[in-house]
Amino acid sequence: MSKYYNSKFLRLLEMPKDGKYILFLHHTSKEEIARKIIDEGFKYYDSFYKTTDEIVIDEVYLNYWFQLRRAYGKYAIVMVIAESIIEKVNEQIKQKGSRHIDNFNVLSESLPVEYEDDYLFTLSKYFVRGYYDINTRNIVFNPLFNPRFYSNKFLDNIRFIQNNT
């Protein structure tokens, strides 16, 4: 078994067998930040992929990412989005004629917030599965987690991004 995670961590990655899901990891150094991500969603600038890693459930692969990202903090936040939600949002972006919009920037219950010369985006808290403390091996699950969450506010975000970026 890995020195970075154990079978408890793999419970965070378990998904229902009735669909396909995309899994992401983000590391942070403070438990308060991990808790805030569960409560408020995951905030990021510009691109979701700049501070997260898409992962697959494979021991060698996970060990690599844990080792590589350990310097960013001992709290590994797991975020999961159903492929069906990504497909639905992609279709809506396409219908609006805005192919340049990053689909992750739309998956928020609030509009992007302008900050300096950029925008702050918030991935909905419903896509946050929970977090894992690498040192203590404790897990905190998000009771509101729903990888198939959809909100009509996603359409508002598409329009906002289309008109403001």
C-alpha atoms as a PDB file:
ATOM      1  CA  MET A   1       0.000   0.000   0.000  1.00  0.00           C
ATOM      2  CA  SER A   2       1.170   3.511  -0.702  1.00  0.00           C
ATOM      3  CA  LYS A   3       2.816   5.683   1.908  1.00  0.00           C
ATOM      4  CA  TYR A   4       0.687   8.608   0.624  1.00  0.00           C
ATOM      5  CA  TYR A   5      -2.759   7.091   0.717  1.00  0.00           C
ATOM      6  CA  ASN A   6      -4.606   4.031   1.896  1.00  0.00           C
ATOM      7  CA  SER A   7      -7.848   2.238   1.165  1.00  0.00           C
ATOM      8  CA  LYS A   8      -9.767   4.979   2.992  1.00  0.00           C
ATOM      9  CA  PHE A   9      -8.621   7.457   0.336  1.00  0.00           C
ATOM     10  CA  LEU A  10      -9.890   5.138  -2.390  1.00  0.00           C
ATOM     11  CA  ARG A  11     -13.369   5.457  -0.839  1.00  0.00           C
ATOM     12  CA  LEU A  12     -13.283   9.118  -1.901  1.00  0.00           C
ATOM     13  CA  LEU A  13     -12.806   7.953  -5.469  1.00  0.00           C
ATOM     14  CA  GLU A  14     -15.616   5.390  -5.523  1.00  0.00           C
ATOM     15  CA  MET A  15     -18.388   6.343  -7.916  1.00  0.00           C
ATOM     16  CA  PRO A  16     -21.680   4.686  -8.865  1.00  0.00           C
ATOM     17  CA  LYS A  17     -21.315   2.199 -11.708  1.00  0.00           C
ATOM     18  CA  ASP A  18     -24.182   3.782 -13.676  1.00  0.00           C
ATOM     19  CA  GLY A  19     -22.163   6.504 -15.356  1.00  0.00           C
ATOM     20  CA  LYS A  20     -18.774   7.911 -16.234  1.00  0.00           C
ATOM     21  CA  TYR A  21     -17.040  10.492 -14.099  1.00  0.00           C
ATOM     22  CA  ILE A  22     -14.026  12.772 -14.347  1.00  0.00           C
ATOM     23  CA  LEU A  23     -11.984  12.982 -11.140  1.00  0.00           C
ATOM     24  CA  PHE A  24      -9.650  15.779 -10.069  1.00  0.00           C
ATOM     25  CA  LEU A  25      -7.226  16.402  -7.220  1.00  0.00           C
ATOM     26  CA  HIS A  26      -6.186  19.714  -5.733  1.00  0.00           C
ATOM     27  CA  HIS A  27      -3.744  20.017  -2.830  1.00  0.00           C
ATOM     28  CA  THR A  28      -3.793  22.714  -0.169  1.00  0.00           C
ATOM     29  CA  SER A  29      -1.762  23.293   2.963  1.00  0.00           C
ATOM     30  CA  LYS A  30      -4.508  24.245   5.414  1.00  0.00           C
ATOM     31  CA  GLU A  31      -7.489  22.287   6.607  1.00  0.00           C
ATOM     32  CA  GLU A  32      -9.507  25.526   6.855  1.00  0.00           C
ATOM     33  CA  ILE A  33      -9.110  25.973   3.108  1.00  0.00           C
ATOM     34  CA  ALA A  34     -10.111  22.358   2.435  1.00  0.00           C
ATOM     35  CA  ARG A  35     -13.208  22.834   4.593  1.00  0.00           C
ATOM     36  CA  LYS A  36     -14.024  26.124   2.849  1.00  0.00           C
ATOM     37  CA  ILE A  37     -13.840  24.385  -0.537  1.00  0.00           C
ATOM     38  CA  ILE A  38     -16.435  21.859   0.682  1.00  0.00           C
ATOM     39  CA  ASP A  39     -18.663  24.643   2.029  1.00  0.00           C
ATOM     40  CA  GLU A  40     -18.323  27.220  -0.767  1.00  0.00           C
ATOM     41  CA  GLY A  41     -16.919  25.461  -3.820  1.00  0.00           C
ATOM     42  CA  PHE A  42     -13.519  25.553  -5.456  1.00  0.00           C
ATOM     43  CA  LYS A  43     -12.313  29.043  -6.410  1.00  0.00           C
ATOM     44  CA  TYR A  44      -9.723  29.530  -9.144  1.00  0.00           C
ATOM     45  CA  TYR A  45      -8.509  32.056 -11.707  1.00  0.00           C
ATOM     46  CA  ASP A  46      -8.353  31.675 -15.467  1.00  0.00           C
ATOM     47  CA  SER A  47      -8.267  27.886 -15.856  1.00  0.00           C
ATOM     48  CA  PHE A  48      -9.457  25.017 -13.692  1.00  0.00           C
ATOM     49  CA  TYR A  49      -6.558  22.902 -14.948  1.00  0.00           C
ATOM     50  CA  LYS A  50      -3.898  25.279 -13.606  1.00  0.00           C
ATOM     51  CA  THR A  51      -4.454  24.146 -10.006  1.00  0.00           C
ATOM     52  CA  THR A  52      -6.023  20.698 -10.400  1.00  0.00           C
ATOM     53  CA  ASP A  53      -4.946  17.392 -11.868  1.00  0.00           C
ATOM     54  CA  GLU A  54      -7.290  15.041 -13.652  1.00  0.00           C
ATOM     55  CA  ILE A  55      -6.678  11.612 -12.179  1.00  0.00           C
ATOM     56  CA  VAL A  56      -7.334   7.966 -12.860  1.00  0.00           C
ATOM     57  CA  ILE A  57      -7.745   5.313 -10.213  1.00  0.00           C
ATOM     58  CA  ASP A  58      -4.442   3.501 -10.447  1.00  0.00           C
ATOM     59  CA  GLU A  59      -1.997   3.029  -7.562  1.00  0.00           C
ATOM     60  CA  VAL A  60       1.141   3.957  -9.514  1.00  0.00           C
ATOM     61  CA  TYR A  61      -0.542   6.988 -11.058  1.00  0.00           C
ATOM     62  CA  LEU A  62      -1.919   8.214  -7.721  1.00  0.00           C
ATOM     63  CA  ASN A  63       1.428   7.741  -5.988  1.00  0.00           C
ATOM     64  CA  TYR A  64       3.044   9.842  -8.689  1.00  0.00           C
ATOM     65  CA  TRP A  65       0.571  12.722  -8.248  1.00  0.00           C
ATOM     66  CA  PHE A  66       0.708  12.611  -4.469  1.00  0.00           C
ATOM     67  CA  GLN A  67       4.479  12.744  -4.558  1.00  0.00           C
ATOM     68  CA  LEU A  68       4.560  15.457  -7.214  1.00  0.00           C
ATOM     69  CA  ARG A  69       1.997  17.702  -5.510  1.00  0.00           C
ATOM     70  CA  ARG A  70       2.909  17.061  -1.875  1.00  0.00           C
ATOM     71  CA  ALA A  71       4.747  20.406  -1.705  1.00  0.00           C
ATOM     72  CA  TYR A  72       1.397  22.151  -2.253  1.00  0.00           C
ATOM     73  CA  GLY A  73      -0.073  20.743   0.937  1.00  0.00           C
ATOM     74  CA  LYS A  74      -1.127  17.705   2.866  1.00  0.00           C
ATOM     75  CA  TYR A  75      -4.846  18.066   2.125  1.00  0.00           C
ATOM     76  CA  ALA A  76      -5.952  16.417  -1.113  1.00  0.00           C
ATOM     77  CA  ILE A  77      -9.333  17.690  -2.277  1.00  0.00           C
ATOM     78  CA  VAL A  78     -11.239  15.366  -4.599  1.00  0.00           C
ATOM     79  CA  MET A  79     -13.639  16.871  -7.135  1.00  0.00           C
ATOM     80  CA  VAL A  80     -15.829  14.755  -9.407  1.00  0.00           C
ATOM     81  CA  ILE A  81     -18.028  15.717 -12.349  1.00  0.00           C
ATOM     82  CA  ALA A  82     -20.246  13.357 -14.322  1.00  0.00           C
ATOM     83  CA  GLU A  83     -19.343  13.242 -18.004  1.00  0.00           C
ATOM     84  CA  SER A  84     -23.051  13.702 -18.776  1.00  0.00           C
ATOM     85  CA  ILE A  85     -22.948  17.159 -17.132  1.00  0.00           C
ATOM     86  CA  ILE A  86     -19.841  18.130 -19.118  1.00  0.00           C
ATOM     87  CA  GLU A  87     -21.552  16.967 -22.323  1.00  0.00           C
ATOM     88  CA  LYS A  88     -24.709  18.933 -21.509  1.00  0.00           C
ATOM     89  CA  VAL A  89     -22.755  22.120 -20.781  1.00  0.00           C
ATOM     90  CA  ASN A  90     -20.644  21.639 -23.923  1.00  0.00           C
ATOM     91  CA  GLU A  91     -23.821  21.380 -25.981  1.00  0.00           C
ATOM     92  CA  GLN A  92     -25.221  24.565 -24.412  1.00  0.00           C
ATOM     93  CA  ILE A  93     -21.953  26.407 -25.100  1.00  0.00           C
ATOM     94  CA  LYS A  94     -22.075  25.194 -28.698  1.00  0.00           C
ATOM     95  CA  GLN A  95     -25.731  26.307 -29.076  1.00  0.00           C
ATOM     96  CA  LYS A  96     -24.778  29.801 -27.896  1.00  0.00           C
ATOM     97  CA  GLY A  97     -22.031  29.896 -30.520  1.00  0.00           C
ATOM     98  CA  SER A  98     -19.307  30.320 -27.881  1.00  0.00           C
ATOM     99  CA  ARG A  99     -16.903  27.477 -28.524  1.00  0.00           C
ATOM    100  CA  HIS A 100     -14.053  29.339 -26.780  1.00  0.00           C
ATOM    101  CA  ILE A 101     -15.678  29.088 -23.322  1.00  0.00           C
ATOM    102  CA  ASP A 102     -14.029  26.680 -20.882  1.00  0.00           C
ATOM    103  CA  ASN A 103     -16.806  24.345 -19.704  1.00  0.00           C
ATOM    104  CA  PHE A 104     -15.430  24.219 -16.139  1.00  0.00           C
ATOM    105  CA  ASN A 105     -15.802  28.003 -15.846  1.00  0.00           C
ATOM    106  CA  VAL A 106     -19.543  27.556 -16.321  1.00  0.00           C
ATOM    107  CA  LEU A 107     -20.119  24.984 -13.535  1.00  0.00           C
ATOM    108  CA  SER A 108     -20.851  27.558 -10.856  1.00  0.00           C
ATOM    109  CA  GLU A 109     -23.902  28.753  -9.003  1.00  0.00           C
ATOM    110  CA  SER A 110     -22.591  32.304  -9.152  1.00  0.00           C
ATOM    111  CA  LEU A 111     -21.318  34.555 -11.894  1.00  0.00           C
ATOM    112  CA  PRO A 112     -17.567  34.975 -12.309  1.00  0.00           C
ATOM    113  CA  VAL A 113     -16.149  37.850 -10.268  1.00  0.00           C
ATOM    114  CA  GLU A 114     -13.795  40.319 -11.905  1.00  0.00           C
ATOM    115  CA  TYR A 115     -10.498  40.576 -10.077  1.00  0.00           C
ATOM    116  CA  GLU A 116      -7.670  42.769 -11.382  1.00  0.00           C
ATOM    117  CA  ASP A 117      -7.251  41.720 -15.029  1.00  0.00           C
ATOM    118  CA  ASP A 118      -8.827  38.312 -14.610  1.00  0.00           C
ATOM    119  CA  TYR A 119     -11.948  36.532 -13.384  1.00  0.00           C
ATOM    120  CA  LEU A 120     -12.447  34.413 -10.292  1.00  0.00           C
ATOM    121  CA  PHE A 121     -14.499  31.297 -11.038  1.00  0.00           C
ATOM    122  CA  THR A 122     -16.086  28.951  -8.495  1.00  0.00           C
ATOM    123  CA  LEU A 123     -16.717  25.301  -9.246  1.00  0.00           C
ATOM    124  CA  SER A 124     -19.933  24.379  -7.432  1.00  0.00           C
ATOM    125  CA  LYS A 125     -19.582  22.800  -3.985  1.00  0.00           C
ATOM    126  CA  TYR A 126     -21.755  19.935  -5.235  1.00  0.00           C
ATOM    127  CA  PHE A 127     -18.825  18.667  -7.323  1.00  0.00           C
ATOM    128  CA  VAL A 128     -16.525  18.494  -4.285  1.00  0.00           C
ATOM    129  CA  ARG A 129     -16.460  14.904  -3.013  1.00  0.00           C
ATOM    130  CA  GLY A 130     -14.350  15.673   0.061  1.00  0.00           C
ATOM    131  CA  TYR A 131     -10.759  15.816   1.202  1.00  0.00           C
ATOM    132  CA  TYR A 132      -8.066  13.535   2.529  1.00  0.00           C
ATOM    133  CA  ASP A 133      -5.378  14.425   5.085  1.00  0.00           C
ATOM    134  CA  ILE A 134      -2.233  12.709   3.820  1.00  0.00           C
ATOM    135  CA  ASN A 135      -0.544  12.724   7.245  1.00  0.00           C
ATOM    136  CA  THR A 136      -3.392  11.491   9.461  1.00  0.00           C
ATOM    137  CA  ARG A 137      -5.192   9.607   6.664  1.00  0.00           C
ATOM    138  CA  ASN A 138      -8.505  11.078   7.789  1.00  0.00           C
ATOM    139  CA  ILE A 139     -11.250  11.720   5.271  1.00  0.00           C
ATOM    140  CA  VAL A 140     -13.935  14.378   5.317  1.00  0.00           C
ATOM    141  CA  PHE A 141     -16.845  13.740   2.951  1.00  0.00           C
ATOM    142  CA  ASN A 142     -19.031  16.503   1.557  1.00  0.00           C
ATOM    143  CA  PRO A 143     -22.646  15.664   2.502  1.00  0.00           C
ATOM    144  CA  LEU A 144     -23.925  17.746  -0.441  1.00  0.00           C
ATOM    145  CA  PHE A 145     -21.779  15.981  -3.054  1.00  0.00           C
ATOM    146  CA  ASN A 146     -23.640  15.330  -6.311  1.00  0.00           C
ATOM    147  CA  PRO A 147     -21.485  14.769  -9.420  1.00  0.00           C
ATOM    148  CA  ARG A 148     -24.606  15.095 -11.604  1.00  0.00           C
ATOM    149  CA  PHE A 149     -25.591  18.470 -10.193  1.00  0.00           C
ATOM    150  CA  TYR A 150     -27.066  20.823 -12.770  1.00  0.00           C
ATOM    151  CA  SER A 151     -28.244  24.393 -12.342  1.00  0.00           C
ATOM    152  CA  ASN A 152     -29.909  26.785 -14.762  1.00  0.00           C
ATOM    153  CA  LYS A 153     -27.345  29.287 -13.497  1.00  0.00           C
ATOM    154  CA  PHE A 154     -24.855  27.510 -15.762  1.00  0.00           C
ATOM    155  CA  LEU A 155     -26.675  29.163 -18.693  1.00  0.00           C
ATOM    156  CA  ASP A 156     -26.320  32.571 -17.005  1.00  0.00           C
ATOM    157  CA  ASN A 157     -22.595  31.909 -16.705  1.00  0.00           C
ATOM    158  CA  ILE A 158     -22.326  31.049 -20.397  1.00  0.00           C
ATOM    159  CA  ARG A 159     -24.023  34.343 -21.310  1.00  0.00           C
ATOM    160  CA  PHE A 160     -21.876  36.314 -18.856  1.00  0.00           C
ATOM    161  CA  ILE A 161     -18.617  34.824 -20.094  1.00  0.00           C
ATOM    162  CA  GLN A 162     -19.705  35.239 -23.702  1.00  0.00           C
ATOM    163  CA  ASN A 163     -20.387  38.953 -23.148  1.00  0.00           C
ATOM    164  CA  ASN A 164     -17.518  39.829 -20.791  1.00  0.00           C
ATOM    165  CA  THR A 165     -14.376  37.966 -21.797  1.00  0.00           C
END
